[in-house]
Amino acid sequence: MQNLIKIFFFLFFSFLIIFQLSNNSTSEYFEYPTEYTDISSSYGYRDIFDSTSFHNGIDFLAPQNSKVFACASGIVVNLGFSNSFGNYIVIKHSNNYYSLYGHLSETFIMNIGDYVNAKEHIANVGPKYLSNGILNGLTTGPHLHFTIYNEDGNTINPKDLLENK
């Protein structure tokens, strides 16, 4: 009888561990990248600059100099400037997802190779125009652009990953 009880508890706890691992979805993994949760532009097609284009992230209505946080723990794999995102940072996460934060200030807090924790302050929202007069990416004003790439390198709607927060 004691062996049956031991086997029962072993199987029960094994089931709990397997269930927890299989239920560890990405939606439970990501945090909001800013304290500001109002979205000024959603994921998907939109009309901007007199044309329709696909917006591969979401824009948070965050004022200039507000803090930007890592949505999950990971390693900074890229940072710099692009014509689309302006000053940006990319973090690779343990689930092989990547997060991109765009339209940042000119002062980078992080460096490539730095490990960051979830909710760690990684940057600040930048201005519309940088100090050299160049537009900080395709922007109409200060905000945080946030993109998530899945393990296949495709963008997915970040809002879907933040819904349960």
Protein backbone atom coordinates (compact mmCIF):
# COMPACT_ATOMS: atom_id res chain seq x y z
CA MET A 1 0.00 0.00 0.00
CA GLN A 2 2.81 2.41 0.83
CA ASN A 3 4.38 1.77 -2.59
CA LEU A 4 1.08 2.67 -4.27
CA ILE A 5 0.91 5.91 -2.31
CA LYS A 6 4.50 6.74 -3.28
CA ILE A 7 3.77 5.98 -6.94
CA PHE A 8 0.61 8.10 -6.79
CA PHE A 9 2.46 11.11 -5.36
CA PHE A 10 5.30 10.68 -7.84
CA LEU A 11 2.87 10.61 -10.77
CA PHE A 12 0.82 13.50 -9.35
CA PHE A 13 3.84 15.78 -8.89
CA SER A 14 5.26 14.75 -12.28
CA PHE A 15 1.95 15.72 -13.85
CA LEU A 16 2.01 19.10 -12.08
CA ILE A 17 5.54 19.84 -13.32
CA ILE A 18 4.73 18.83 -16.90
CA PHE A 19 1.49 20.84 -16.81
CA GLN A 20 3.29 23.92 -15.51
CA LEU A 21 6.02 23.66 -18.17
CA SER A 22 3.51 23.19 -20.98
CA ASN A 23 1.38 26.01 -19.65
CA ASN A 24 4.30 28.45 -19.43
CA SER A 25 3.07 30.50 -22.36
CA THR A 26 4.68 33.62 -23.74
CA SER A 27 1.68 35.74 -22.67
CA GLU A 28 2.67 35.13 -19.06
CA TYR A 29 6.24 36.07 -19.82
CA PHE A 30 6.14 39.65 -21.07
CA GLU A 31 5.75 42.83 -19.03
CA TYR A 32 4.75 46.27 -20.27
CA PRO A 33 7.85 48.14 -21.49
CA THR A 34 6.69 51.45 -20.03
CA GLU A 35 4.48 52.65 -17.22
CA TYR A 36 2.27 54.25 -19.88
CA THR A 37 -0.21 51.74 -21.27
CA ASP A 38 -2.22 53.90 -23.71
CA ILE A 39 -1.57 52.80 -27.28
CA SER A 40 -1.42 55.52 -29.92
CA SER A 41 -0.91 53.17 -32.88
CA SER A 42 -1.79 49.49 -33.06
CA TYR A 43 -0.17 46.52 -34.79
CA GLY A 44 -1.25 46.03 -38.40
CA TYR A 45 -2.05 48.14 -41.42
CA ARG A 46 -2.47 51.87 -40.93
CA ASP A 47 -2.51 55.11 -42.90
CA ILE A 48 0.46 57.32 -42.14
CA PHE A 49 2.49 59.84 -44.12
CA ASP A 50 -0.12 59.78 -46.94
CA SER A 51 0.19 56.02 -47.52
CA THR A 52 -0.95 52.71 -46.09
CA SER A 53 1.77 50.61 -44.50
CA PHE A 54 2.12 47.71 -42.09
CA HIS A 55 3.02 48.71 -38.55
CA ASN A 56 4.99 45.81 -37.04
CA GLY A 57 4.57 46.84 -33.41
CA ILE A 58 2.57 49.02 -31.10
CA ASP A 59 3.24 52.58 -30.05
CA PHE A 60 2.84 53.61 -26.44
CA LEU A 61 1.86 57.20 -25.82
CA ALA A 62 4.81 57.94 -23.53
CA PRO A 63 6.33 61.38 -23.01
CA GLN A 64 9.92 62.24 -23.87
CA ASN A 65 12.43 61.09 -21.22
CA SER A 66 10.01 58.56 -19.67
CA LYS A 67 11.63 55.27 -18.71
CA VAL A 68 11.65 52.22 -20.97
CA PHE A 69 11.86 48.79 -19.33
CA ALA A 70 12.85 45.35 -20.62
CA CYS A 71 9.68 43.33 -21.19
CA ALA A 72 11.52 40.17 -20.07
CA SER A 73 15.01 39.10 -19.08
CA GLY A 74 17.51 38.68 -21.88
CA ILE A 75 20.66 39.90 -23.59
CA VAL A 76 21.05 43.14 -25.53
CA VAL A 77 22.00 41.94 -29.02
CA ASN A 78 21.73 45.15 -31.02
CA LEU A 79 21.38 48.88 -30.61
CA GLY A 80 21.84 51.84 -32.85
CA PHE A 81 19.91 54.02 -35.28
CA SER A 82 17.64 53.10 -38.18
CA ASN A 83 15.54 55.30 -40.45
CA SER A 84 12.39 53.46 -39.30
CA PHE A 85 12.91 53.10 -35.54
CA GLY A 86 15.33 55.93 -34.87
CA ASN A 87 17.47 55.05 -31.87
CA TYR A 88 16.60 51.48 -30.88
CA ILE A 89 17.58 48.52 -28.68
CA VAL A 90 16.97 44.81 -29.39
CA ILE A 91 16.91 42.19 -26.62
CA LYS A 92 17.01 38.42 -27.17
CA HIS A 93 14.97 36.45 -24.64
CA SER A 94 15.40 32.86 -23.46
CA ASN A 95 12.37 31.67 -25.47
CA ASN A 96 14.15 32.85 -28.68
CA TYR A 97 11.82 35.82 -28.97
CA TYR A 98 13.30 39.28 -29.55
CA SER A 99 11.93 42.61 -28.38
CA LEU A 100 12.70 45.90 -30.11
CA TYR A 101 12.26 49.32 -28.50
CA GLY A 102 12.33 52.31 -30.85
CA HIS A 103 12.44 56.13 -30.87
CA LEU A 104 14.76 56.23 -27.86
CA SER A 105 16.92 59.01 -26.47
CA GLU A 106 20.45 59.53 -27.72
CA THR A 107 22.03 58.29 -24.50
CA PHE A 108 22.11 54.50 -24.41
CA ILE A 109 22.06 53.04 -20.90
CA MET A 110 22.84 49.51 -22.12
CA ASN A 111 25.58 48.02 -24.28
CA ILE A 112 25.54 45.06 -26.63
CA GLY A 113 26.10 41.90 -24.59
CA ASP A 114 24.57 43.27 -21.38
CA TYR A 115 22.20 40.94 -19.55
CA VAL A 116 18.99 42.67 -18.45
CA ASN A 117 16.26 41.59 -16.07
CA ALA A 118 12.55 41.93 -16.71
CA LYS A 119 11.38 45.45 -15.81
CA GLU A 120 14.96 46.77 -15.74
CA HIS A 121 15.34 50.37 -16.93
CA ILE A 122 17.04 50.05 -20.34
CA ALA A 123 16.44 53.41 -22.04
CA ASN A 124 14.36 56.58 -22.16
CA VAL A 125 11.85 57.73 -24.74
CA GLY A 126 13.54 60.10 -27.15
CA PRO A 127 12.53 63.33 -28.86
CA LYS A 128 10.96 63.68 -32.29
CA TYR A 129 14.18 65.25 -33.61
CA LEU A 130 17.66 64.25 -32.46
CA SER A 131 20.31 66.83 -31.55
CA ASN A 132 21.70 66.70 -35.10
CA GLY A 133 18.29 67.70 -36.50
CA ILE A 134 17.51 64.24 -37.91
CA LEU A 135 14.06 62.75 -37.35
CA ASN A 136 14.24 60.00 -34.70
CA GLY A 137 12.84 57.40 -37.11
CA LEU A 138 9.42 57.49 -38.73
CA THR A 139 7.68 59.39 -35.97
CA THR A 140 5.23 62.24 -35.51
CA GLY A 141 6.39 62.86 -31.94
CA PRO A 142 7.81 61.26 -28.79
CA HIS A 143 6.50 57.76 -28.06
CA LEU A 144 7.79 54.23 -27.53
CA HIS A 145 7.63 51.83 -30.45
CA PHE A 146 7.56 48.18 -29.27
CA THR A 147 7.96 45.16 -31.57
CA ILE A 148 8.11 41.45 -30.73
CA TYR A 149 9.70 38.88 -33.06
CA ASN A 150 8.86 35.22 -32.45
CA GLU A 151 11.31 32.31 -32.70
CA ASP A 152 10.77 32.23 -36.50
CA GLY A 153 11.75 35.89 -36.85
CA ASN A 154 8.20 37.03 -37.64
CA THR A 155 6.61 39.97 -35.89
CA ILE A 156 3.60 39.26 -33.74
CA ASN A 157 1.14 41.60 -32.10
CA PRO A 158 2.75 42.59 -28.77
CA LYS A 159 -0.68 43.43 -27.36
CA ASP A 160 -1.59 39.73 -27.49
CA LEU A 161 1.36 38.99 -25.23
CA LEU A 162 0.46 41.75 -22.76
CA GLU A 163 -3.33 41.14 -22.58
CA ASN A 164 -3.30 39.24 -19.29
CA LYS A 165 -1.29 41.81 -17.35
